[in-house]
Amino acid sequence: MPLLPAWELLAPFLVAALALNLTPGADMTYTIARTAAQGRAAGFASAAGILAGVGLHTVAAAAGLSALLRASPEAFIAVKWAGAAYLFYLAARMLLSKPDTGGPAMADARLRRVFGQAVVVNVLNPKVALFVLAFLPQFIAPDAAYPAAQILVLGTIFNLGGFAVNAAVAALVGAGAARLRTSQRFATWMTRLSGTVLAGLAVRLVLVER
């Protein structure tokens, strides 16, 4: 089974995927905000959650489910507002929470919660679903014998690249913030700023049009 398209399609896909993954966007901004507020481990957990969320969108695109969001304005609006509401909820929790000043490492249960939140944020972003649906099929030959399989493979390559970039960003931001997080004043400021960024992402999602 040919799981990759021909090189004349694969090569431009790899170039485009690299450029897109290196371009700052909502996922990178989200990772930075969580890392700055909660530390490097939370940043890695967020990057992994984004990977899982985009992976689900890729599966949906391969199965044709994402086409429903493109075809149905009502479904698009419902998912968009659910995603925005969840981002506002996370922003409010961060703005009202007590800042973490860099004590003991984040417990596994908290990291799982951060991971799950990143998955939900990504899954409830219809813009991601439509992007996957529009981007990946461009690099599949019209006469491909197994287009769904190739979409899954290309989506996996794209998602792993995005995870690598987001994880690297989390490592860099986490290393810089860790030296300052012992300051209560700085930790408070950073947590409030990160909550504001999440609220901004929610507003950005509300303004997204089909």
N, C-alpha and C. Protein backbone atom coordinates (compact mmCIF):
# COMPACT_ATOMS: atom_id res chain seq x y z
N MET A 1 0.85 -1.20 0.00
CA MET A 1 0.00 0.00 0.00
C MET A 1 0.89 1.25 0.00
N PRO A 2 0.78 2.13 -1.00
CA PRO A 2 1.59 3.36 -1.01
C PRO A 2 1.08 4.35 0.03
N LEU A 3 1.85 4.49 1.11
CA LEU A 3 1.41 5.36 2.19
C LEU A 3 1.89 6.79 2.02
N LEU A 4 2.78 7.02 1.05
CA LEU A 4 3.26 8.37 0.78
C LEU A 4 2.97 8.73 -0.66
N PRO A 5 2.65 9.98 -0.92
CA PRO A 5 2.45 10.40 -2.31
C PRO A 5 3.79 10.42 -3.05
N ALA A 6 3.73 10.62 -4.34
CA ALA A 6 4.94 10.72 -5.15
C ALA A 6 5.79 11.90 -4.68
N TRP A 7 7.10 11.82 -4.98
CA TRP A 7 8.04 12.82 -4.47
C TRP A 7 7.68 14.24 -4.91
N GLU A 8 7.13 14.37 -6.13
CA GLU A 8 6.79 15.71 -6.60
C GLU A 8 5.67 16.35 -5.77
N LEU A 9 4.92 15.55 -5.03
CA LEU A 9 3.93 16.06 -4.08
C LEU A 9 4.48 16.08 -2.66
N LEU A 10 5.29 15.09 -2.32
CA LEU A 10 5.82 14.99 -0.97
C LEU A 10 6.79 16.12 -0.66
N ALA A 11 7.66 16.46 -1.60
CA ALA A 11 8.66 17.50 -1.36
C ALA A 11 8.03 18.85 -1.02
N PRO A 12 7.08 19.34 -1.83
CA PRO A 12 6.45 20.62 -1.44
C PRO A 12 5.66 20.52 -0.14
N PHE A 13 5.11 19.35 0.14
CA PHE A 13 4.42 19.18 1.42
C PHE A 13 5.38 19.37 2.58
N LEU A 14 6.55 18.75 2.51
CA LEU A 14 7.52 18.86 3.60
C LEU A 14 7.97 20.31 3.80
N VAL A 15 8.18 21.03 2.70
CA VAL A 15 8.58 22.44 2.80
C VAL A 15 7.45 23.26 3.43
N ALA A 16 6.23 23.04 2.96
CA ALA A 16 5.09 23.80 3.49
C ALA A 16 4.86 23.46 4.96
N ALA A 17 4.97 22.18 5.32
CA ALA A 17 4.75 21.77 6.70
C ALA A 17 5.77 22.41 7.63
N LEU A 18 7.03 22.44 7.20
CA LEU A 18 8.08 23.07 8.02
C LEU A 18 7.79 24.55 8.21
N ALA A 19 7.45 25.23 7.12
CA ALA A 19 7.18 26.66 7.22
C ALA A 19 5.99 26.95 8.13
N LEU A 20 4.93 26.16 7.99
CA LEU A 20 3.74 26.39 8.81
C LEU A 20 4.01 26.10 10.28
N ASN A 21 4.76 25.04 10.56
CA ASN A 21 5.04 24.69 11.96
C ASN A 21 5.94 25.72 12.63
N LEU A 22 6.79 26.38 11.86
CA LEU A 22 7.68 27.38 12.44
C LEU A 22 7.01 28.75 12.57
N THR A 23 5.86 28.91 11.91
CA THR A 23 5.15 30.19 11.98
C THR A 23 4.36 30.28 13.28
N PRO A 24 4.59 31.32 14.08
CA PRO A 24 3.83 31.45 15.33
C PRO A 24 2.33 31.51 15.06
N GLY A 25 1.59 30.73 15.83
CA GLY A 25 0.14 30.70 15.68
C GLY A 25 -0.52 30.45 17.01
N ALA A 26 -1.79 30.08 16.97
CA ALA A 26 -2.55 29.90 18.20
C ALA A 26 -1.97 28.78 19.07
N ASP A 27 -1.55 27.67 18.44
CA ASP A 27 -1.02 26.54 19.22
C ASP A 27 0.27 26.93 19.93
N MET A 28 1.15 27.63 19.22
CA MET A 28 2.41 28.05 19.84
C MET A 28 2.15 29.07 20.95
N THR A 29 1.22 29.98 20.70
CA THR A 29 0.87 30.97 21.72
C THR A 29 0.31 30.30 22.97
N TYR A 30 -0.54 29.32 22.75
CA TYR A 30 -1.12 28.58 23.88
C TYR A 30 -0.02 27.88 24.67
N THR A 31 0.91 27.24 23.98
CA THR A 31 2.00 26.54 24.66
C THR A 31 2.85 27.51 25.46
N ILE A 32 3.15 28.65 24.88
CA ILE A 32 3.96 29.66 25.58
C ILE A 32 3.24 30.13 26.84
N ALA A 33 1.94 30.39 26.71
CA ALA A 33 1.17 30.89 27.86
C ALA A 33 1.17 29.88 29.00
N ARG A 34 0.92 28.60 28.69
CA ARG A 34 0.90 27.59 29.74
C ARG A 34 2.28 27.38 30.35
N THR A 35 3.31 27.43 29.52
CA THR A 35 4.67 27.25 30.03
C THR A 35 5.06 28.39 30.95
N ALA A 36 4.78 29.61 30.52
CA ALA A 36 5.16 30.78 31.31
C ALA A 36 4.45 30.79 32.66
N ALA A 37 3.20 30.35 32.68
CA ALA A 37 2.42 30.39 33.91
C ALA A 37 2.68 29.19 34.81
N GLN A 38 2.92 28.00 34.22
CA GLN A 38 2.95 26.78 35.02
C GLN A 38 4.23 25.96 34.89
N GLY A 39 5.16 26.42 34.07
CA GLY A 39 6.44 25.73 34.00
C GLY A 39 6.62 24.86 32.77
N ARG A 40 7.85 24.39 32.61
CA ARG A 40 8.22 23.65 31.41
C ARG A 40 7.43 22.35 31.26
N ALA A 41 7.19 21.63 32.35
CA ALA A 41 6.45 20.37 32.26
C ALA A 41 5.04 20.61 31.72
N ALA A 42 4.42 21.70 32.16
CA ALA A 42 3.08 22.03 31.65
C ALA A 42 3.15 22.37 30.17
N GLY A 43 4.25 23.01 29.76
CA GLY A 43 4.42 23.32 28.34
C GLY A 43 4.53 22.07 27.51
N PHE A 44 5.31 21.09 27.99
CA PHE A 44 5.43 19.83 27.27
C PHE A 44 4.09 19.10 27.21
N ALA A 45 3.36 19.12 28.33
CA ALA A 45 2.05 18.47 28.36
C ALA A 45 1.09 19.15 27.38
N SER A 46 1.17 20.47 27.29
CA SER A 46 0.31 21.20 26.35
C SER A 46 0.68 20.86 24.91
N ALA A 47 1.99 20.79 24.62
CA ALA A 47 2.43 20.43 23.27
C ALA A 47 1.94 19.03 22.91
N ALA A 48 2.00 18.10 23.86
CA ALA A 48 1.52 16.74 23.61
C ALA A 48 0.00 16.72 23.40
N GLY A 49 -0.72 17.55 24.16
CA GLY A 49 -2.16 17.62 24.00
C GLY A 49 -2.55 18.20 22.64
N ILE A 50 -1.79 19.20 22.19
CA ILE A 50 -2.04 19.76 20.87
C ILE A 50 -1.78 18.71 19.80
N LEU A 51 -0.71 17.94 19.96
CA LEU A 51 -0.41 16.84 19.04
C LEU A 51 -1.59 15.87 18.95
N ALA A 52 -2.12 15.49 20.10
CA ALA A 52 -3.26 14.56 20.11
C ALA A 52 -4.50 15.19 19.48
N GLY A 53 -4.73 16.47 19.76
CA GLY A 53 -5.90 17.14 19.21
C GLY A 53 -5.84 17.25 17.69
N VAL A 54 -4.69 17.65 17.17
CA VAL A 54 -4.55 17.74 15.71
C VAL A 54 -4.62 16.35 15.10
N GLY A 55 -4.11 15.35 15.82
CA GLY A 55 -4.21 13.98 15.34
C GLY A 55 -5.67 13.56 15.16
N LEU A 56 -6.51 13.94 16.10
CA LEU A 56 -7.94 13.63 15.98
C LEU A 56 -8.56 14.34 14.77
N HIS A 57 -8.15 15.58 14.55
CA HIS A 57 -8.64 16.30 13.38
C HIS A 57 -8.19 15.62 12.09
N THR A 58 -6.96 15.08 12.10
CA THR A 58 -6.45 14.38 10.92
C THR A 58 -7.27 13.13 10.63
N VAL A 59 -7.57 12.38 11.69
CA VAL A 59 -8.41 11.19 11.53
C VAL A 59 -9.78 11.58 10.99
N ALA A 60 -10.33 12.68 11.53
CA ALA A 60 -11.64 13.13 11.07
C ALA A 60 -11.60 13.55 9.61
N ALA A 61 -10.50 14.19 9.21
CA ALA A 61 -10.37 14.60 7.80
C ALA A 61 -10.30 13.38 6.90
N ALA A 62 -9.52 12.37 7.33
CA ALA A 62 -9.40 11.15 6.53
C ALA A 62 -10.74 10.43 6.42
N ALA A 63 -11.54 10.52 7.47
CA ALA A 63 -12.84 9.84 7.47
C ALA A 63 -13.93 10.67 6.82
N GLY A 64 -13.62 11.93 6.50
CA GLY A 64 -14.60 12.80 5.87
C GLY A 64 -15.47 13.55 6.85
N LEU A 65 -15.22 13.38 8.16
CA LEU A 65 -16.08 14.04 9.15
C LEU A 65 -15.88 15.55 9.18
N SER A 66 -14.64 15.99 8.93
CA SER A 66 -14.38 17.43 8.96
C SER A 66 -15.16 18.18 7.91
N ALA A 67 -15.54 17.47 6.84
CA ALA A 67 -16.33 18.12 5.79
C ALA A 67 -17.67 18.60 6.32
N LEU A 68 -18.15 17.99 7.40
CA LEU A 68 -19.41 18.42 7.98
C LEU A 68 -19.32 19.85 8.50
N LEU A 69 -18.17 20.21 9.08
CA LEU A 69 -18.00 21.57 9.59
C LEU A 69 -17.99 22.57 8.44
N ARG A 70 -17.44 22.15 7.31
CA ARG A 70 -17.40 23.05 6.16
C ARG A 70 -18.79 23.19 5.54
N ALA A 71 -19.56 22.10 5.57
CA ALA A 71 -20.87 22.11 4.92
C ALA A 71 -21.97 22.69 5.80
N SER A 72 -21.79 22.63 7.12
CA SER A 72 -22.85 23.05 8.02
C SER A 72 -22.44 24.28 8.83
N PRO A 73 -22.99 25.44 8.53
CA PRO A 73 -22.70 26.64 9.31
C PRO A 73 -23.07 26.47 10.78
N GLU A 74 -24.16 25.76 11.04
CA GLU A 74 -24.60 25.58 12.43
C GLU A 74 -23.58 24.77 13.23
N ALA A 75 -23.04 23.71 12.63
CA ALA A 75 -22.04 22.90 13.32
C ALA A 75 -20.78 23.70 13.57
N PHE A 76 -20.37 24.48 12.57
CA PHE A 76 -19.17 25.30 12.72
C PHE A 76 -19.33 26.28 13.87
N ILE A 77 -20.46 26.97 13.91
CA ILE A 77 -20.69 27.98 14.95
C ILE A 77 -20.76 27.32 16.33
N ALA A 78 -21.42 26.16 16.42
CA ALA A 78 -21.54 25.48 17.72
C ALA A 78 -20.17 25.07 18.26
N VAL A 79 -19.34 24.50 17.39
CA VAL A 79 -18.00 24.08 17.83
C VAL A 79 -17.16 25.31 18.18
N LYS A 80 -17.26 26.35 17.38
CA LYS A 80 -16.49 27.57 17.63
C LYS A 80 -16.82 28.17 18.99
N TRP A 81 -18.10 28.29 19.30
CA TRP A 81 -18.48 28.90 20.57
C TRP A 81 -18.15 27.99 21.76
N ALA A 82 -18.23 26.69 21.56
CA ALA A 82 -17.82 25.77 22.63
C ALA A 82 -16.34 25.92 22.90
N GLY A 83 -15.53 26.02 21.86
CA GLY A 83 -14.10 26.20 22.04
C GLY A 83 -13.76 27.52 22.70
N ALA A 84 -14.44 28.60 22.29
CA ALA A 84 -14.19 29.91 22.89
C ALA A 84 -14.58 29.92 24.36
N ALA A 85 -15.72 29.29 24.67
CA ALA A 85 -16.16 29.24 26.07
C ALA A 85 -15.15 28.48 26.93
N TYR A 86 -14.60 27.41 26.39
CA TYR A 86 -13.63 26.63 27.16
C TYR A 86 -12.34 27.42 27.36
N LEU A 87 -11.93 28.16 26.35
CA LEU A 87 -10.73 29.00 26.52
C LEU A 87 -10.97 30.10 27.54
N PHE A 88 -12.16 30.70 27.52
CA PHE A 88 -12.49 31.71 28.53
C PHE A 88 -12.48 31.10 29.93
N TYR A 89 -12.97 29.87 30.04
CA TYR A 89 -12.96 29.17 31.33
C TYR A 89 -11.53 28.97 31.83
N LEU A 90 -10.65 28.51 30.94
CA LEU A 90 -9.25 28.31 31.33
C LEU A 90 -8.59 29.64 31.69
N ALA A 91 -8.91 30.68 30.93
CA ALA A 91 -8.35 32.01 31.22
C ALA A 91 -8.80 32.50 32.59
N ALA A 92 -10.07 32.32 32.89
CA ALA A 92 -10.59 32.76 34.19
C ALA A 92 -9.93 32.00 35.33
N ARG A 93 -9.75 30.69 35.16
CA ARG A 93 -9.08 29.90 36.20
C ARG A 93 -7.66 30.39 36.42
N MET A 94 -6.97 30.72 35.34
CA MET A 94 -5.59 31.17 35.47
C MET A 94 -5.53 32.55 36.11
N LEU A 95 -6.46 33.43 35.72
CA LEU A 95 -6.47 34.78 36.27
C LEU A 95 -6.82 34.80 37.76
N LEU A 96 -7.62 33.82 38.18
CA LEU A 96 -8.07 33.79 39.57
C LEU A 96 -7.24 32.85 40.45
N SER A 97 -6.35 32.09 39.84
CA SER A 97 -5.60 31.09 40.60
C SER A 97 -4.42 31.70 41.31
N LYS A 98 -3.93 30.99 42.30
CA LYS A 98 -2.72 31.38 42.99
C LYS A 98 -1.53 30.98 42.14
N PRO A 99 -0.61 31.90 41.86
CA PRO A 99 0.50 31.58 40.97
C PRO A 99 1.42 30.52 41.56
N ASP A 100 1.99 29.71 40.66
CA ASP A 100 2.96 28.69 41.05
C ASP A 100 4.35 29.32 41.03
N THR A 101 5.03 29.35 42.15
CA THR A 101 6.33 30.01 42.24
C THR A 101 7.49 29.06 42.09
N GLY A 102 7.24 27.89 41.51
CA GLY A 102 8.33 27.00 41.20
C GLY A 102 8.69 26.06 42.32
N GLY A 103 7.72 25.59 43.06
CA GLY A 103 7.97 24.64 44.13
C GLY A 103 8.20 23.25 43.58
N PRO A 104 7.64 22.22 44.23
CA PRO A 104 7.81 20.86 43.74
C PRO A 104 7.28 20.70 42.31
N ALA A 105 7.84 19.73 41.62
CA ALA A 105 7.43 19.49 40.23
C ALA A 105 5.94 19.19 40.17
N MET A 106 5.35 19.54 39.06
CA MET A 106 3.93 19.34 38.87
C MET A 106 3.59 17.86 38.98
N ALA A 107 2.57 17.56 39.74
CA ALA A 107 2.16 16.17 39.93
C ALA A 107 1.62 15.60 38.62
N ASP A 108 1.71 14.27 38.50
CA ASP A 108 1.24 13.61 37.28
C ASP A 108 -0.22 13.92 37.00
N ALA A 109 -1.03 13.97 38.05
CA ALA A 109 -2.46 14.23 37.86
C ALA A 109 -2.68 15.61 37.26
N ARG A 110 -1.92 16.60 37.71
CA ARG A 110 -2.06 17.94 37.16
C ARG A 110 -1.58 17.99 35.72
N LEU A 111 -0.50 17.27 35.42
CA LEU A 111 -0.01 17.24 34.05
C LEU A 111 -1.01 16.57 33.12
N ARG A 112 -1.66 15.53 33.61
CA ARG A 112 -2.69 14.89 32.80
C ARG A 112 -3.83 15.86 32.53
N ARG A 113 -4.16 16.67 33.52
CA ARG A 113 -5.23 17.65 33.34
C ARG A 113 -4.81 18.72 32.31
N VAL A 114 -3.56 19.18 32.38
CA VAL A 114 -3.06 20.15 31.41
C VAL A 114 -3.08 19.55 30.00
N PHE A 115 -2.66 18.28 29.90
CA PHE A 115 -2.69 17.58 28.61
C PHE A 115 -4.12 17.51 28.08
N GLY A 116 -5.06 17.10 28.92
CA GLY A 116 -6.45 16.98 28.50
C GLY A 116 -7.04 18.31 28.08
N GLN A 117 -6.68 19.38 28.79
CA GLN A 117 -7.20 20.70 28.44
C GLN A 117 -6.70 21.12 27.06
N ALA A 118 -5.44 20.82 26.76
CA ALA A 118 -4.90 21.17 25.44
C ALA A 118 -5.60 20.39 24.34
N VAL A 119 -5.91 19.13 24.61
CA VAL A 119 -6.63 18.32 23.63
C VAL A 119 -7.99 18.95 23.35
N VAL A 120 -8.71 19.29 24.41
CA VAL A 120 -10.07 19.85 24.24
C VAL A 120 -10.01 21.18 23.50
N VAL A 121 -9.06 22.05 23.87
CA VAL A 121 -8.94 23.35 23.21
C VAL A 121 -8.74 23.16 21.71
N ASN A 122 -7.89 22.20 21.34
CA ASN A 122 -7.60 21.98 19.92
C ASN A 122 -8.78 21.36 19.19
N VAL A 123 -9.40 20.35 19.81
CA VAL A 123 -10.52 19.67 19.16
C VAL A 123 -11.69 20.63 18.95
N LEU A 124 -11.89 21.57 19.88
CA LEU A 124 -13.01 22.51 19.78
C LEU A 124 -12.66 23.75 18.98
N ASN A 125 -11.63 23.66 18.15
CA ASN A 125 -11.29 24.77 17.27
C ASN A 125 -11.60 24.36 15.83
N PRO A 126 -12.74 24.78 15.29
CA PRO A 126 -13.12 24.36 13.94
C PRO A 126 -12.15 24.86 12.88
N LYS A 127 -11.41 25.92 13.19
CA LYS A 127 -10.44 26.43 12.24
C LYS A 127 -9.36 25.39 11.96
N VAL A 128 -8.97 24.65 13.01
CA VAL A 128 -7.97 23.60 12.83
C VAL A 128 -8.52 22.50 11.93
N ALA A 129 -9.77 22.12 12.18
CA ALA A 129 -10.39 21.07 11.37
C ALA A 129 -10.43 21.47 9.90
N LEU A 130 -10.83 22.70 9.63
CA LEU A 130 -10.93 23.15 8.24
C LEU A 130 -9.55 23.30 7.62
N PHE A 131 -8.57 23.71 8.42
CA PHE A 131 -7.21 23.81 7.89
C PHE A 131 -6.69 22.44 7.46
N VAL A 132 -6.86 21.45 8.33
CA VAL A 132 -6.42 20.10 7.99
C VAL A 132 -7.12 19.60 6.75
N LEU A 133 -8.42 19.87 6.67
CA LEU A 133 -9.21 19.40 5.53
C LEU A 133 -8.77 20.09 4.24
N ALA A 134 -8.35 21.35 4.33
CA ALA A 134 -7.95 22.09 3.14
C ALA A 134 -6.49 21.84 2.77
N PHE A 135 -5.64 21.63 3.77
CA PHE A 135 -4.19 21.56 3.54
C PHE A 135 -3.73 20.19 3.04
N LEU A 136 -4.08 19.14 3.75
CA LEU A 136 -3.52 17.83 3.43
C LEU A 136 -3.93 17.28 2.07
N PRO A 137 -5.21 17.38 1.67
CA PRO A 137 -5.59 16.81 0.37
C PRO A 137 -4.88 17.43 -0.83
N GLN A 138 -4.29 18.63 -0.66
CA GLN A 138 -3.58 19.25 -1.76
C GLN A 138 -2.39 18.41 -2.22
N PHE A 139 -1.88 17.58 -1.34
CA PHE A 139 -0.68 16.81 -1.63
C PHE A 139 -0.98 15.33 -1.88
N ILE A 140 -2.23 15.05 -2.15
CA ILE A 140 -2.65 13.69 -2.50
C ILE A 140 -3.04 13.67 -3.97
N ALA A 141 -2.46 12.77 -4.72
CA ALA A 141 -2.77 12.69 -6.15
C ALA A 141 -4.25 12.31 -6.33
N PRO A 142 -4.92 12.90 -7.33
CA PRO A 142 -6.34 12.59 -7.55
C PRO A 142 -6.60 11.11 -7.80
N ASP A 143 -5.60 10.42 -8.36
CA ASP A 143 -5.80 9.01 -8.67
C ASP A 143 -5.17 8.09 -7.62
N ALA A 144 -4.88 8.63 -6.42
CA ALA A 144 -4.27 7.81 -5.36
C ALA A 144 -5.20 6.66 -5.00
N ALA A 145 -4.60 5.47 -4.83
CA ALA A 145 -5.40 4.29 -4.52
C ALA A 145 -5.95 4.33 -3.10
N TYR A 146 -5.18 4.92 -2.19
CA TYR A 146 -5.58 4.96 -0.77
C TYR A 146 -5.41 6.39 -0.24
N PRO A 147 -6.25 7.32 -0.66
CA PRO A 147 -6.10 8.72 -0.23
C PRO A 147 -6.25 8.91 1.28
N ALA A 148 -7.15 8.17 1.90
CA ALA A 148 -7.34 8.33 3.35
C ALA A 148 -6.08 7.93 4.11
N ALA A 149 -5.43 6.85 3.67
CA ALA A 149 -4.20 6.41 4.33
C ALA A 149 -3.10 7.45 4.17
N GLN A 150 -3.01 8.04 2.98
CA GLN A 150 -1.98 9.05 2.75
C GLN A 150 -2.26 10.31 3.57
N ILE A 151 -3.52 10.67 3.73
CA ILE A 151 -3.87 11.82 4.58
C ILE A 151 -3.43 11.57 6.02
N LEU A 152 -3.65 10.35 6.50
CA LEU A 152 -3.23 10.01 7.86
C LEU A 152 -1.72 10.09 8.01
N VAL A 153 -0.98 9.60 7.04
CA VAL A 153 0.48 9.62 7.12
C VAL A 153 1.01 11.05 7.04
N LEU A 154 0.53 11.82 6.09
CA LEU A 154 0.97 13.21 5.98
C LEU A 154 0.57 14.01 7.21
N GLY A 155 -0.62 13.76 7.72
CA GLY A 155 -1.05 14.44 8.93
C GLY A 155 -0.17 14.11 10.11
N THR A 156 0.26 12.85 10.20
CA THR A 156 1.14 12.45 11.29
C THR A 156 2.50 13.14 11.18
N ILE A 157 3.03 13.22 9.97
CA ILE A 157 4.31 13.92 9.76
C ILE A 157 4.18 15.38 10.16
N PHE A 158 3.10 16.01 9.71
CA PHE A 158 2.88 17.42 10.03
C PHE A 158 2.74 17.62 11.53
N ASN A 159 1.97 16.75 12.18
CA ASN A 159 1.72 16.90 13.61
C ASN A 159 2.98 16.68 14.43
N LEU A 160 3.81 15.71 14.05
CA LEU A 160 5.05 15.47 14.79
C LEU A 160 6.00 16.66 14.65
N GLY A 161 6.01 17.27 13.48
CA GLY A 161 6.82 18.48 13.31
C GLY A 161 6.32 19.60 14.20
N GLY A 162 5.01 19.76 14.27
CA GLY A 162 4.44 20.79 15.14
C GLY A 162 4.75 20.52 16.60
N PHE A 163 4.69 19.25 17.00
CA PHE A 163 5.02 18.91 18.38
C PHE A 163 6.47 19.24 18.69
N ALA A 164 7.38 18.92 17.77
CA ALA A 164 8.79 19.21 18.00
C ALA A 164 9.02 20.71 18.19
N VAL A 165 8.36 21.52 17.37
CA VAL A 165 8.51 22.97 17.49
C VAL A 165 7.93 23.47 18.81
N ASN A 166 6.72 23.03 19.14
CA ASN A 166 6.10 23.48 20.39
C ASN A 166 6.87 23.02 21.62
N ALA A 167 7.41 21.80 21.57
CA ALA A 167 8.21 21.30 22.69
C ALA A 167 9.49 22.12 22.85
N ALA A 168 10.11 22.48 21.72
CA ALA A 168 11.31 23.30 21.77
C ALA A 168 11.01 24.68 22.36
N VAL A 169 9.86 25.23 21.95
CA VAL A 169 9.44 26.53 22.50
C VAL A 169 9.19 26.42 23.99
N ALA A 170 8.54 25.34 24.42
CA ALA A 170 8.29 25.13 25.85
C ALA A 170 9.60 25.02 26.63
N ALA A 171 10.58 24.34 26.05
CA ALA A 171 11.88 24.19 26.72
C ALA A 171 12.57 25.55 26.87
N LEU A 172 12.53 26.35 25.82
CA LEU A 172 13.19 27.65 25.87
C LEU A 172 12.50 28.60 26.84
N VAL A 173 11.16 28.68 26.72
CA VAL A 173 10.41 29.57 27.61
C VAL A 173 10.52 29.10 29.05
N GLY A 174 10.43 27.79 29.25
CA GLY A 174 10.51 27.25 30.60
C GLY A 174 11.84 27.51 31.25
N ALA A 175 12.93 27.38 30.48
CA ALA A 175 14.26 27.62 31.03
C ALA A 175 14.43 29.07 31.45
N GLY A 176 13.88 29.99 30.63
CA GLY A 176 14.00 31.40 30.99
C GLY A 176 13.13 31.79 32.16
N ALA A 177 11.90 31.27 32.18
CA ALA A 177 10.96 31.65 33.25
C ALA A 177 11.32 31.02 34.58
N ALA A 178 11.94 29.83 34.56
CA ALA A 178 12.24 29.12 35.81
C ALA A 178 13.14 29.94 36.72
N ARG A 179 14.02 30.71 36.14
CA ARG A 179 14.96 31.51 36.94
C ARG A 179 14.28 32.68 37.65
N LEU A 180 13.10 33.04 37.14
CA LEU A 180 12.41 34.20 37.70
C LEU A 180 11.17 33.83 38.51
N ARG A 181 10.75 32.56 38.40
CA ARG A 181 9.49 32.17 39.01
C ARG A 181 9.54 32.11 40.53
N THR A 182 10.72 32.11 41.10
CA THR A 182 10.80 32.12 42.57
C THR A 182 10.33 33.46 43.14
N SER A 183 10.23 34.47 42.30
CA SER A 183 9.71 35.77 42.73
C SER A 183 8.19 35.73 42.70
N GLN A 184 7.55 35.94 43.84
CA GLN A 184 6.09 35.93 43.92
C GLN A 184 5.49 36.99 43.01
N ARG A 185 6.11 38.15 42.98
CA ARG A 185 5.58 39.23 42.15
C ARG A 185 5.64 38.86 40.67
N PHE A 186 6.78 38.31 40.26
CA PHE A 186 6.91 37.92 38.85
C PHE A 186 5.94 36.79 38.50
N ALA A 187 5.83 35.81 39.40
CA ALA A 187 4.93 34.68 39.14
C ALA A 187 3.49 35.16 39.00
N THR A 188 3.09 36.11 39.86
CA THR A 188 1.74 36.65 39.77
C THR A 188 1.52 37.36 38.45
N TRP A 189 2.49 38.18 38.07
CA TRP A 189 2.39 38.92 36.81
C TRP A 189 2.32 37.97 35.63
N MET A 190 3.17 36.93 35.63
CA MET A 190 3.21 36.00 34.51
C MET A 190 1.92 35.19 34.41
N THR A 191 1.37 34.79 35.55
CA THR A 191 0.12 34.04 35.53
C THR A 191 -1.01 34.89 35.00
N ARG A 192 -1.07 36.14 35.42
CA ARG A 192 -2.13 37.04 34.94
C ARG A 192 -1.97 37.30 33.44
N LEU A 193 -0.72 37.49 33.00
CA LEU A 193 -0.48 37.73 31.58
C LEU A 193 -0.88 36.51 30.75
N SER A 194 -0.56 35.34 31.25
CA SER A 194 -0.89 34.11 30.52
C SER A 194 -2.40 33.93 30.44
N GLY A 195 -3.11 34.23 31.53
CA GLY A 195 -4.57 34.16 31.50
C GLY A 195 -5.16 35.14 30.49
N THR A 196 -4.56 36.32 30.41
CA THR A 196 -5.02 37.31 29.44
C THR A 196 -4.79 36.82 28.01
N VAL A 197 -3.66 36.16 27.79
CA VAL A 197 -3.37 35.61 26.46
C VAL A 197 -4.41 34.56 26.07
N LEU A 198 -4.77 33.68 27.02
CA LEU A 198 -5.79 32.67 26.73
C LEU A 198 -7.14 33.33 26.41
N ALA A 199 -7.46 34.38 27.14
CA ALA A 199 -8.70 35.11 26.86
C ALA A 199 -8.64 35.72 25.46
N GLY A 200 -7.45 36.22 25.09
CA GLY A 200 -7.28 36.77 23.74
C GLY A 200 -7.47 35.71 22.67
N LEU A 201 -6.99 34.51 22.93
CA LEU A 201 -7.19 33.41 21.98
C LEU A 201 -8.68 33.08 21.85
N ALA A 202 -9.40 33.18 22.97
CA ALA A 202 -10.85 32.93 22.93
C ALA A 202 -11.54 33.96 22.05
N VAL A 203 -11.17 35.22 22.21
CA VAL A 203 -11.76 36.29 21.39
C VAL A 203 -11.42 36.06 19.92
N ARG A 204 -10.17 35.67 19.67
CA ARG A 204 -9.74 35.40 18.30
C ARG A 204 -10.57 34.28 17.68
N LEU A 205 -10.87 33.26 18.47
CA LEU A 205 -11.67 32.16 17.96
C LEU A 205 -13.10 32.60 17.67
N VAL A 206 -13.66 33.46 18.53
CA VAL A 206 -15.02 33.96 18.32
C VAL A 206 -15.11 34.71 16.99
N LEU A 207 -14.04 35.41 16.63
CA LEU A 207 -14.05 36.23 15.43
C LEU A 207 -13.77 35.43 14.15
N VAL A 208 -13.42 34.15 14.30
CA VAL A 208 -13.12 33.33 13.13
C VAL A 208 -14.38 33.15 12.30
N GLU A 209 -14.23 33.32 10.99
CA GLU A 209 -15.34 33.13 10.07
C GLU A 209 -15.09 31.88 9.24
N ARG A 210 -16.16 31.29 8.73
CA ARG A 210 -16.01 30.14 7.85
C ARG A 210 -15.39 30.59 6.54
